[in-house]
mmCIF file of all heavy atoms, coordinates in Angstrom:
data_MODEL
# 
_entry.id   MODEL 
# 
loop_
_atom_site.group_PDB 
_atom_site.id 
_atom_site.type_symbol 
_atom_site.label_atom_id 
_atom_site.label_alt_id 
_atom_site.label_comp_id 
_atom_site.label_asym_id 
_atom_site.label_entity_id 
_atom_site.label_seq_id 
_atom_site.pdbx_PDB_ins_code 
_atom_site.Cartn_x 
_atom_site.Cartn_y 
_atom_site.Cartn_z 
_atom_site.occupancy 
_atom_site.B_iso_or_equiv 
_atom_site.pdbx_formal_charge 
_atom_site.auth_seq_id 
_atom_site.auth_comp_id 
_atom_site.auth_asym_id 
_atom_site.auth_atom_id 
_atom_site.pdbx_PDB_model_num 
ATOM 1   N N   . GLU A 1 1  ? 35.279  -31.796 70.340 1.00 0.00 ? 1  GLU A N   1 
ATOM 2   C CA  . GLU A 1 1  ? 34.359  -31.711 71.463 1.00 0.00 ? 1  GLU A CA  1 
ATOM 3   C C   . GLU A 1 1  ? 34.413  -32.960 72.334 1.00 0.00 ? 1  GLU A C   1 
ATOM 4   O O   . GLU A 1 1  ? 34.516  -32.764 73.625 1.00 0.00 ? 1  GLU A O   1 
ATOM 5   C CB  . GLU A 1 1  ? 32.845  -31.528 70.950 1.00 0.00 ? 1  GLU A CB  1 
ATOM 6   C CG  . GLU A 1 1  ? 32.458  -30.185 70.279 1.00 0.00 ? 1  GLU A CG  1 
ATOM 7   C CD  . GLU A 1 1  ? 31.238  -30.018 69.642 1.00 0.00 ? 1  GLU A CD  1 
ATOM 8   O OE1 . GLU A 1 1  ? 30.783  -31.204 69.204 1.00 0.00 ? 1  GLU A OE1 1 
ATOM 9   O OE2 . GLU A 1 1  ? 30.578  -29.081 69.648 1.00 0.00 ? 1  GLU A OE2 1 
ATOM 10  N N   . LEU A 1 2  ? 34.635  -33.981 71.740 1.00 0.00 ? 2  LEU A N   1 
ATOM 11  C CA  . LEU A 1 2  ? 34.671  -35.317 72.590 1.00 0.00 ? 2  LEU A CA  1 
ATOM 12  C C   . LEU A 1 2  ? 36.007  -35.290 73.391 1.00 0.00 ? 2  LEU A C   1 
ATOM 13  O O   . LEU A 1 2  ? 36.035  -35.767 74.513 1.00 0.00 ? 2  LEU A O   1 
ATOM 14  C CB  . LEU A 1 2  ? 34.759  -36.598 71.698 1.00 0.00 ? 2  LEU A CB  1 
ATOM 15  C CG  . LEU A 1 2  ? 33.412  -36.907 71.017 1.00 0.00 ? 2  LEU A CG  1 
ATOM 16  C CD1 . LEU A 1 2  ? 33.533  -38.111 70.022 1.00 0.00 ? 2  LEU A CD1 1 
ATOM 17  C CD2 . LEU A 1 2  ? 32.317  -37.316 72.096 1.00 0.00 ? 2  LEU A CD2 1 
ATOM 18  N N   . ALA A 1 3  ? 37.058  -34.800 72.814 1.00 0.00 ? 3  ALA A N   1 
ATOM 19  C CA  . ALA A 1 3  ? 38.301  -34.705 73.440 1.00 0.00 ? 3  ALA A CA  1 
ATOM 20  C C   . ALA A 1 3  ? 38.367  -33.727 74.503 1.00 0.00 ? 3  ALA A C   1 
ATOM 21  O O   . ALA A 1 3  ? 39.015  -33.955 75.556 1.00 0.00 ? 3  ALA A O   1 
ATOM 22  C CB  . ALA A 1 3  ? 39.488  -34.274 72.485 1.00 0.00 ? 3  ALA A CB  1 
ATOM 23  N N   . ALA A 1 4  ? 37.455  -32.629 74.381 1.00 0.00 ? 4  ALA A N   1 
ATOM 24  C CA  . ALA A 1 4  ? 37.255  -31.741 75.479 1.00 0.00 ? 4  ALA A CA  1 
ATOM 25  C C   . ALA A 1 4  ? 36.296  -32.214 76.580 1.00 0.00 ? 4  ALA A C   1 
ATOM 26  O O   . ALA A 1 4  ? 36.126  -31.493 77.665 1.00 0.00 ? 4  ALA A O   1 
ATOM 27  C CB  . ALA A 1 4  ? 36.835  -30.408 74.896 1.00 0.00 ? 4  ALA A CB  1 
ATOM 28  N N   . GLY A 1 5  ? 35.799  -33.431 76.484 1.00 0.00 ? 5  GLY A N   1 
ATOM 29  C CA  . GLY A 1 5  ? 34.862  -34.001 77.520 1.00 0.00 ? 5  GLY A CA  1 
ATOM 30  C C   . GLY A 1 5  ? 33.453  -33.551 77.258 1.00 0.00 ? 5  GLY A C   1 
ATOM 31  O O   . GLY A 1 5  ? 32.569  -33.880 78.168 1.00 0.00 ? 5  GLY A O   1 
ATOM 32  N N   . ALA A 1 6  ? 32.957  -33.123 76.145 1.00 0.00 ? 6  ALA A N   1 
ATOM 33  C CA  . ALA A 1 6  ? 31.680  -32.750 75.782 1.00 0.00 ? 6  ALA A CA  1 
ATOM 34  C C   . ALA A 1 6  ? 30.883  -34.052 75.809 1.00 0.00 ? 6  ALA A C   1 
ATOM 35  O O   . ALA A 1 6  ? 31.295  -35.081 75.263 1.00 0.00 ? 6  ALA A O   1 
ATOM 36  C CB  . ALA A 1 6  ? 31.586  -31.954 74.644 1.00 0.00 ? 6  ALA A CB  1 
ATOM 37  N N   . PRO A 1 7  ? 29.688  -34.037 76.191 1.00 0.00 ? 7  PRO A N   1 
ATOM 38  C CA  . PRO A 1 7  ? 28.743  -35.274 76.076 1.00 0.00 ? 7  PRO A CA  1 
ATOM 39  C C   . PRO A 1 7  ? 28.427  -35.544 74.648 1.00 0.00 ? 7  PRO A C   1 
ATOM 40  O O   . PRO A 1 7  ? 28.381  -34.565 73.769 1.00 0.00 ? 7  PRO A O   1 
ATOM 41  C CB  . PRO A 1 7  ? 27.558  -34.898 76.915 1.00 0.00 ? 7  PRO A CB  1 
ATOM 42  C CG  . PRO A 1 7  ? 27.510  -33.415 76.897 1.00 0.00 ? 7  PRO A CG  1 
ATOM 43  C CD  . PRO A 1 7  ? 28.923  -33.007 76.829 1.00 0.00 ? 7  PRO A CD  1 
ATOM 44  N N   . LEU A 1 8  ? 28.149  -36.663 74.392 1.00 0.00 ? 8  LEU A N   1 
ATOM 45  C CA  . LEU A 1 8  ? 27.683  -37.072 72.957 1.00 0.00 ? 8  LEU A CA  1 
ATOM 46  C C   . LEU A 1 8  ? 26.443  -36.581 72.653 1.00 0.00 ? 8  LEU A C   1 
ATOM 47  O O   . LEU A 1 8  ? 25.491  -36.711 73.539 1.00 0.00 ? 8  LEU A O   1 
ATOM 48  C CB  . LEU A 1 8  ? 27.764  -38.659 72.790 1.00 0.00 ? 8  LEU A CB  1 
ATOM 49  C CG  . LEU A 1 8  ? 27.468  -39.211 71.472 1.00 0.00 ? 8  LEU A CG  1 
ATOM 50  C CD1 . LEU A 1 8  ? 28.699  -38.828 70.525 1.00 0.00 ? 8  LEU A CD1 1 
ATOM 51  C CD2 . LEU A 1 8  ? 27.367  -40.690 71.494 1.00 0.00 ? 8  LEU A CD2 1 
ATOM 52  N N   . ARG A 1 9  ? 26.209  -35.745 71.511 1.00 0.00 ? 9  ARG A N   1 
ATOM 53  C CA  . ARG A 1 9  ? 24.913  -35.365 71.178 1.00 0.00 ? 9  ARG A CA  1 
ATOM 54  C C   . ARG A 1 9  ? 24.028  -36.496 70.701 1.00 0.00 ? 9  ARG A C   1 
ATOM 55  O O   . ARG A 1 9  ? 24.505  -37.325 69.827 1.00 0.00 ? 9  ARG A O   1 
ATOM 56  C CB  . ARG A 1 9  ? 25.006  -34.364 70.081 1.00 0.00 ? 9  ARG A CB  1 
ATOM 57  C CG  . ARG A 1 9  ? 25.602  -32.984 70.635 1.00 0.00 ? 9  ARG A CG  1 
ATOM 58  C CD  . ARG A 1 9  ? 25.462  -31.925 69.450 1.00 0.00 ? 9  ARG A CD  1 
ATOM 59  N NE  . ARG A 1 9  ? 25.869  -30.683 69.959 1.00 0.00 ? 9  ARG A NE  1 
ATOM 60  C CZ  . ARG A 1 9  ? 27.069  -30.230 69.643 1.00 0.00 ? 9  ARG A CZ  1 
ATOM 61  N NH1 . ARG A 1 9  ? 27.939  -30.937 69.078 1.00 0.00 ? 9  ARG A NH1 1 
ATOM 62  N NH2 . ARG A 1 9  ? 27.640  -29.014 70.182 1.00 0.00 ? 9  ARG A NH2 1 
ATOM 63  N N   . LEU A 1 10 ? 22.730  -36.513 71.179 1.00 0.00 ? 10 LEU A N   1 
ATOM 64  C CA  . LEU A 1 10 ? 21.924  -37.525 70.751 1.00 0.00 ? 10 LEU A CA  1 
ATOM 65  C C   . LEU A 1 10 ? 20.907  -37.114 69.679 1.00 0.00 ? 10 LEU A C   1 
ATOM 66  O O   . LEU A 1 10 ? 20.442  -35.871 69.907 1.00 0.00 ? 10 LEU A O   1 
ATOM 67  C CB  . LEU A 1 10 ? 21.047  -38.268 71.896 1.00 0.00 ? 10 LEU A CB  1 
ATOM 68  C CG  . LEU A 1 10 ? 22.163  -39.027 72.978 1.00 0.00 ? 10 LEU A CG  1 
ATOM 69  C CD1 . LEU A 1 10 ? 21.418  -39.445 74.256 1.00 0.00 ? 10 LEU A CD1 1 
ATOM 70  C CD2 . LEU A 1 10 ? 22.839  -40.121 72.325 1.00 0.00 ? 10 LEU A CD2 1 
ATOM 71  N N   . PRO A 1 11 ? 20.370  -37.796 68.986 1.00 0.00 ? 11 PRO A N   1 
ATOM 72  C CA  . PRO A 1 11 ? 19.273  -37.357 68.000 1.00 0.00 ? 11 PRO A CA  1 
ATOM 73  C C   . PRO A 1 11 ? 18.018  -36.905 68.802 1.00 0.00 ? 11 PRO A C   1 
ATOM 74  O O   . PRO A 1 11 ? 17.733  -37.512 69.780 1.00 0.00 ? 11 PRO A O   1 
ATOM 75  C CB  . PRO A 1 11 ? 18.940  -38.505 67.112 1.00 0.00 ? 11 PRO A CB  1 
ATOM 76  C CG  . PRO A 1 11 ? 20.178  -39.408 67.235 1.00 0.00 ? 11 PRO A CG  1 
ATOM 77  C CD  . PRO A 1 11 ? 20.660  -39.316 68.502 1.00 0.00 ? 11 PRO A CD  1 
ATOM 78  N N   . GLU A 1 12 ? 17.362  -35.906 68.243 1.00 0.00 ? 12 GLU A N   1 
ATOM 79  C CA  . GLU A 1 12 ? 16.093  -35.535 68.852 1.00 0.00 ? 12 GLU A CA  1 
ATOM 80  C C   . GLU A 1 12 ? 15.183  -36.676 68.679 1.00 0.00 ? 12 GLU A C   1 
ATOM 81  O O   . GLU A 1 12 ? 14.997  -37.318 67.784 1.00 0.00 ? 12 GLU A O   1 
ATOM 82  C CB  . GLU A 1 12 ? 15.545  -34.294 68.123 1.00 0.00 ? 12 GLU A CB  1 
ATOM 83  C CG  . GLU A 1 12 ? 16.359  -33.001 68.311 1.00 0.00 ? 12 GLU A CG  1 
ATOM 84  C CD  . GLU A 1 12 ? 16.226  -32.405 69.715 1.00 0.00 ? 12 GLU A CD  1 
ATOM 85  O OE1 . GLU A 1 12 ? 15.240  -32.635 70.370 1.00 0.00 ? 12 GLU A OE1 1 
ATOM 86  O OE2 . GLU A 1 12 ? 17.343  -31.851 70.200 1.00 0.00 ? 12 GLU A OE2 1 
ATOM 87  N N   . PRO A 1 13 ? 14.373  -36.904 69.797 1.00 0.00 ? 13 PRO A N   1 
ATOM 88  C CA  . PRO A 1 13 ? 13.286  -37.815 69.716 1.00 0.00 ? 13 PRO A CA  1 
ATOM 89  C C   . PRO A 1 13 ? 12.187  -37.608 68.536 1.00 0.00 ? 13 PRO A C   1 
ATOM 90  O O   . PRO A 1 13 ? 12.002  -36.515 68.246 1.00 0.00 ? 13 PRO A O   1 
ATOM 91  C CB  . PRO A 1 13 ? 12.512  -37.736 71.089 1.00 0.00 ? 13 PRO A CB  1 
ATOM 92  C CG  . PRO A 1 13 ? 12.797  -36.437 71.637 1.00 0.00 ? 13 PRO A CG  1 
ATOM 93  C CD  . PRO A 1 13 ? 14.260  -36.068 71.063 1.00 0.00 ? 13 PRO A CD  1 
ATOM 94  N N   . VAL A 1 14 ? 11.947  -38.760 67.859 1.00 0.00 ? 14 VAL A N   1 
ATOM 95  C CA  . VAL A 1 14 ? 11.030  -38.563 66.691 1.00 0.00 ? 14 VAL A CA  1 
ATOM 96  C C   . VAL A 1 14 ? 9.712   -38.271 67.187 1.00 0.00 ? 14 VAL A C   1 
ATOM 97  O O   . VAL A 1 14 ? 9.191   -39.014 68.065 1.00 0.00 ? 14 VAL A O   1 
ATOM 98  C CB  . VAL A 1 14 ? 11.004  -39.860 65.856 1.00 0.00 ? 14 VAL A CB  1 
ATOM 99  C CG1 . VAL A 1 14 ? 10.112  -39.798 64.683 1.00 0.00 ? 14 VAL A CG1 1 
ATOM 100 C CG2 . VAL A 1 14 ? 12.473  -40.112 65.328 1.00 0.00 ? 14 VAL A CG2 1 
ATOM 101 N N   . ALA A 1 15 ? 9.108   -37.315 66.688 1.00 0.00 ? 15 ALA A N   1 
ATOM 102 C CA  . ALA A 1 15 ? 7.678   -36.912 67.093 1.00 0.00 ? 15 ALA A CA  1 
ATOM 103 C C   . ALA A 1 15 ? 6.634   -37.893 66.583 1.00 0.00 ? 15 ALA A C   1 
ATOM 104 O O   . ALA A 1 15 ? 6.844   -38.693 65.597 1.00 0.00 ? 15 ALA A O   1 
ATOM 105 C CB  . ALA A 1 15 ? 7.350   -35.590 66.454 1.00 0.00 ? 15 ALA A CB  1 
ATOM 106 N N   . ASP A 1 16 ? 5.625   -38.010 67.216 1.00 0.00 ? 16 ASP A N   1 
ATOM 107 C CA  . ASP A 1 16 ? 4.447   -38.903 66.800 1.00 0.00 ? 16 ASP A CA  1 
ATOM 108 C C   . ASP A 1 16 ? 4.106   -38.582 65.423 1.00 0.00 ? 16 ASP A C   1 
ATOM 109 O O   . ASP A 1 16 ? 3.854   -37.426 65.078 1.00 0.00 ? 16 ASP A O   1 
ATOM 110 C CB  . ASP A 1 16 ? 3.360   -38.949 67.771 1.00 0.00 ? 16 ASP A CB  1 
ATOM 111 C CG  . ASP A 1 16 ? 3.644   -39.427 69.210 1.00 0.00 ? 16 ASP A CG  1 
ATOM 112 O OD1 . ASP A 1 16 ? 4.627   -40.253 69.314 1.00 0.00 ? 16 ASP A OD1 1 
ATOM 113 O OD2 . ASP A 1 16 ? 2.882   -39.176 70.113 1.00 0.00 ? 16 ASP A OD2 1 
ATOM 114 N N   . PRO A 1 17 ? 3.888   -39.576 64.600 1.00 0.00 ? 17 PRO A N   1 
ATOM 115 C CA  . PRO A 1 17 ? 3.398   -39.331 63.165 1.00 0.00 ? 17 PRO A CA  1 
ATOM 116 C C   . PRO A 1 17 ? 1.973   -38.713 63.295 1.00 0.00 ? 17 PRO A C   1 
ATOM 117 O O   . PRO A 1 17 ? 1.170   -39.019 64.249 1.00 0.00 ? 17 PRO A O   1 
ATOM 118 C CB  . PRO A 1 17 ? 3.251   -40.661 62.536 1.00 0.00 ? 17 PRO A CB  1 
ATOM 119 C CG  . PRO A 1 17 ? 4.149   -41.632 63.426 1.00 0.00 ? 17 PRO A CG  1 
ATOM 120 C CD  . PRO A 1 17 ? 4.132   -41.100 64.693 1.00 0.00 ? 17 PRO A CD  1 
ATOM 121 N N   . MET A 1 18 ? 1.702   -37.605 62.378 1.00 0.00 ? 18 MET A N   1 
ATOM 122 C CA  . MET A 1 18 ? 0.640   -36.961 62.388 1.00 0.00 ? 18 MET A CA  1 
ATOM 123 C C   . MET A 1 18 ? -0.330  -37.118 61.197 1.00 0.00 ? 18 MET A C   1 
ATOM 124 O O   . MET A 1 18 ? 0.230   -37.637 60.244 1.00 0.00 ? 18 MET A O   1 
ATOM 125 C CB  . MET A 1 18 ? 0.827   -35.427 62.522 1.00 0.00 ? 18 MET A CB  1 
ATOM 126 C CG  . MET A 1 18 ? 1.699   -34.993 63.616 1.00 0.00 ? 18 MET A CG  1 
ATOM 127 S SD  . MET A 1 18 ? 1.032   -35.189 65.241 1.00 0.00 ? 18 MET A SD  1 
ATOM 128 C CE  . MET A 1 18 ? -0.185  -34.055 65.366 1.00 0.00 ? 18 MET A CE  1 
ATOM 129 N N   . VAL A 1 19 ? -1.587  -37.179 61.355 1.00 0.00 ? 19 VAL A N   1 
ATOM 130 C CA  . VAL A 1 19 ? -2.557  -37.481 60.200 1.00 0.00 ? 19 VAL A CA  1 
ATOM 131 C C   . VAL A 1 19 ? -3.568  -36.340 60.292 1.00 0.00 ? 19 VAL A C   1 
ATOM 132 O O   . VAL A 1 19 ? -3.896  -35.656 61.285 1.00 0.00 ? 19 VAL A O   1 
ATOM 133 C CB  . VAL A 1 19 ? -3.200  -38.835 60.358 1.00 0.00 ? 19 VAL A CB  1 
ATOM 134 C CG1 . VAL A 1 19 ? -2.197  -39.904 60.263 1.00 0.00 ? 19 VAL A CG1 1 
ATOM 135 C CG2 . VAL A 1 19 ? -3.986  -38.947 61.592 1.00 0.00 ? 19 VAL A CG2 1 
ATOM 136 N N   . LYS A 1 20 ? -4.173  -36.009 59.070 1.00 0.00 ? 20 LYS A N   1 
ATOM 137 C CA  . LYS A 1 20 ? -5.195  -35.095 58.926 1.00 0.00 ? 20 LYS A CA  1 
ATOM 138 C C   . LYS A 1 20 ? -6.386  -35.734 58.731 1.00 0.00 ? 20 LYS A C   1 
ATOM 139 O O   . LYS A 1 20 ? -6.642  -36.832 58.000 1.00 0.00 ? 20 LYS A O   1 
ATOM 140 C CB  . LYS A 1 20 ? -4.921  -34.168 57.801 1.00 0.00 ? 20 LYS A CB  1 
ATOM 141 C CG  . LYS A 1 20 ? -5.985  -33.024 57.558 1.00 0.00 ? 20 LYS A CG  1 
ATOM 142 C CD  . LYS A 1 20 ? -5.465  -31.963 56.560 1.00 0.00 ? 20 LYS A CD  1 
ATOM 143 C CE  . LYS A 1 20 ? -5.150  -32.560 55.239 1.00 0.00 ? 20 LYS A CE  1 
ATOM 144 N NZ  . LYS A 1 20 ? -4.789  -31.568 54.203 1.00 0.00 ? 20 LYS A NZ  1 
ATOM 145 N N   . LEU A 1 21 ? -7.472  -35.472 59.539 1.00 0.00 ? 21 LEU A N   1 
ATOM 146 C CA  . LEU A 1 21 ? -8.787  -36.084 59.452 1.00 0.00 ? 21 LEU A CA  1 
ATOM 147 C C   . LEU A 1 21 ? -9.701  -35.211 58.604 1.00 0.00 ? 21 LEU A C   1 
ATOM 148 O O   . LEU A 1 21 ? -9.497  -33.951 58.266 1.00 0.00 ? 21 LEU A O   1 
ATOM 149 C CB  . LEU A 1 21 ? -9.394  -36.209 60.925 1.00 0.00 ? 21 LEU A CB  1 
ATOM 150 C CG  . LEU A 1 21 ? -8.613  -36.730 62.017 1.00 0.00 ? 21 LEU A CG  1 
ATOM 151 C CD1 . LEU A 1 21 ? -9.349  -36.740 63.290 1.00 0.00 ? 21 LEU A CD1 1 
ATOM 152 C CD2 . LEU A 1 21 ? -8.490  -38.269 61.630 1.00 0.00 ? 21 LEU A CD2 1 
ATOM 153 N N   . SER A 1 22 ? -10.885 -35.786 58.215 1.00 0.00 ? 22 SER A N   1 
ATOM 154 C CA  . SER A 1 22 ? -11.968 -35.185 57.394 1.00 0.00 ? 22 SER A CA  1 
ATOM 155 C C   . SER A 1 22 ? -12.946 -34.531 58.450 1.00 0.00 ? 22 SER A C   1 
ATOM 156 O O   . SER A 1 22 ? -13.737 -35.319 59.064 1.00 0.00 ? 22 SER A O   1 
ATOM 157 C CB  . SER A 1 22 ? -12.568 -36.054 56.462 1.00 0.00 ? 22 SER A CB  1 
ATOM 158 O OG  . SER A 1 22 ? -13.724 -35.485 55.993 1.00 0.00 ? 22 SER A OG  1 
ATOM 159 N N   . ALA A 1 23 ? -12.905 -33.202 58.423 1.00 0.00 ? 23 ALA A N   1 
ATOM 160 C CA  . ALA A 1 23 ? -13.916 -32.500 59.352 1.00 0.00 ? 23 ALA A CA  1 
ATOM 161 C C   . ALA A 1 23 ? -15.433 -32.699 58.969 1.00 0.00 ? 23 ALA A C   1 
ATOM 162 O O   . ALA A 1 23 ? -16.330 -32.959 59.677 1.00 0.00 ? 23 ALA A O   1 
ATOM 163 C CB  . ALA A 1 23 ? -13.732 -30.909 59.433 1.00 0.00 ? 23 ALA A CB  1 
ATOM 164 N N   . ALA A 1 24 ? -15.547 -32.861 57.517 1.00 0.00 ? 24 ALA A N   1 
ATOM 165 C CA  . ALA A 1 24 ? -16.907 -33.219 57.064 1.00 0.00 ? 24 ALA A CA  1 
ATOM 166 C C   . ALA A 1 24 ? -17.336 -34.548 57.418 1.00 0.00 ? 24 ALA A C   1 
ATOM 167 O O   . ALA A 1 24 ? -18.546 -34.725 57.892 1.00 0.00 ? 24 ALA A O   1 
ATOM 168 C CB  . ALA A 1 24 ? -16.832 -33.083 55.410 1.00 0.00 ? 24 ALA A CB  1 
ATOM 169 N N   . TRP A 1 25 ? -16.452 -35.520 57.461 1.00 0.00 ? 25 TRP A N   1 
ATOM 170 C CA  . TRP A 1 25 ? -16.882 -36.866 57.812 1.00 0.00 ? 25 TRP A CA  1 
ATOM 171 C C   . TRP A 1 25 ? -17.200 -36.899 59.383 1.00 0.00 ? 25 TRP A C   1 
ATOM 172 O O   . TRP A 1 25 ? -18.247 -37.401 59.706 1.00 0.00 ? 25 TRP A O   1 
ATOM 173 C CB  . TRP A 1 25 ? -15.683 -37.871 57.667 1.00 0.00 ? 25 TRP A CB  1 
ATOM 174 C CG  . TRP A 1 25 ? -15.999 -39.247 57.854 1.00 0.00 ? 25 TRP A CG  1 
ATOM 175 C CD1 . TRP A 1 25 ? -16.432 -40.194 56.985 1.00 0.00 ? 25 TRP A CD1 1 
ATOM 176 C CD2 . TRP A 1 25 ? -16.060 -39.986 59.173 1.00 0.00 ? 25 TRP A CD2 1 
ATOM 177 N NE1 . TRP A 1 25 ? -16.716 -41.371 57.468 1.00 0.00 ? 25 TRP A NE1 1 
ATOM 178 C CE2 . TRP A 1 25 ? -16.521 -41.279 59.004 1.00 0.00 ? 25 TRP A CE2 1 
ATOM 179 C CE3 . TRP A 1 25 ? -15.646 -39.537 60.404 1.00 0.00 ? 25 TRP A CE3 1 
ATOM 180 C CZ2 . TRP A 1 25 ? -16.549 -42.255 59.973 1.00 0.00 ? 25 TRP A CZ2 1 
ATOM 181 C CZ3 . TRP A 1 25 ? -15.874 -40.546 61.467 1.00 0.00 ? 25 TRP A CZ3 1 
ATOM 182 C CH2 . TRP A 1 25 ? -16.215 -41.863 61.203 1.00 0.00 ? 25 TRP A CH2 1 
# 
């Protein structure tokens, strides 16, 4: 792919870390 002129694939951006909250609190 590089020899054919394809652009370099970049990693997907890392998503924001997620957390679970306590609805009861």
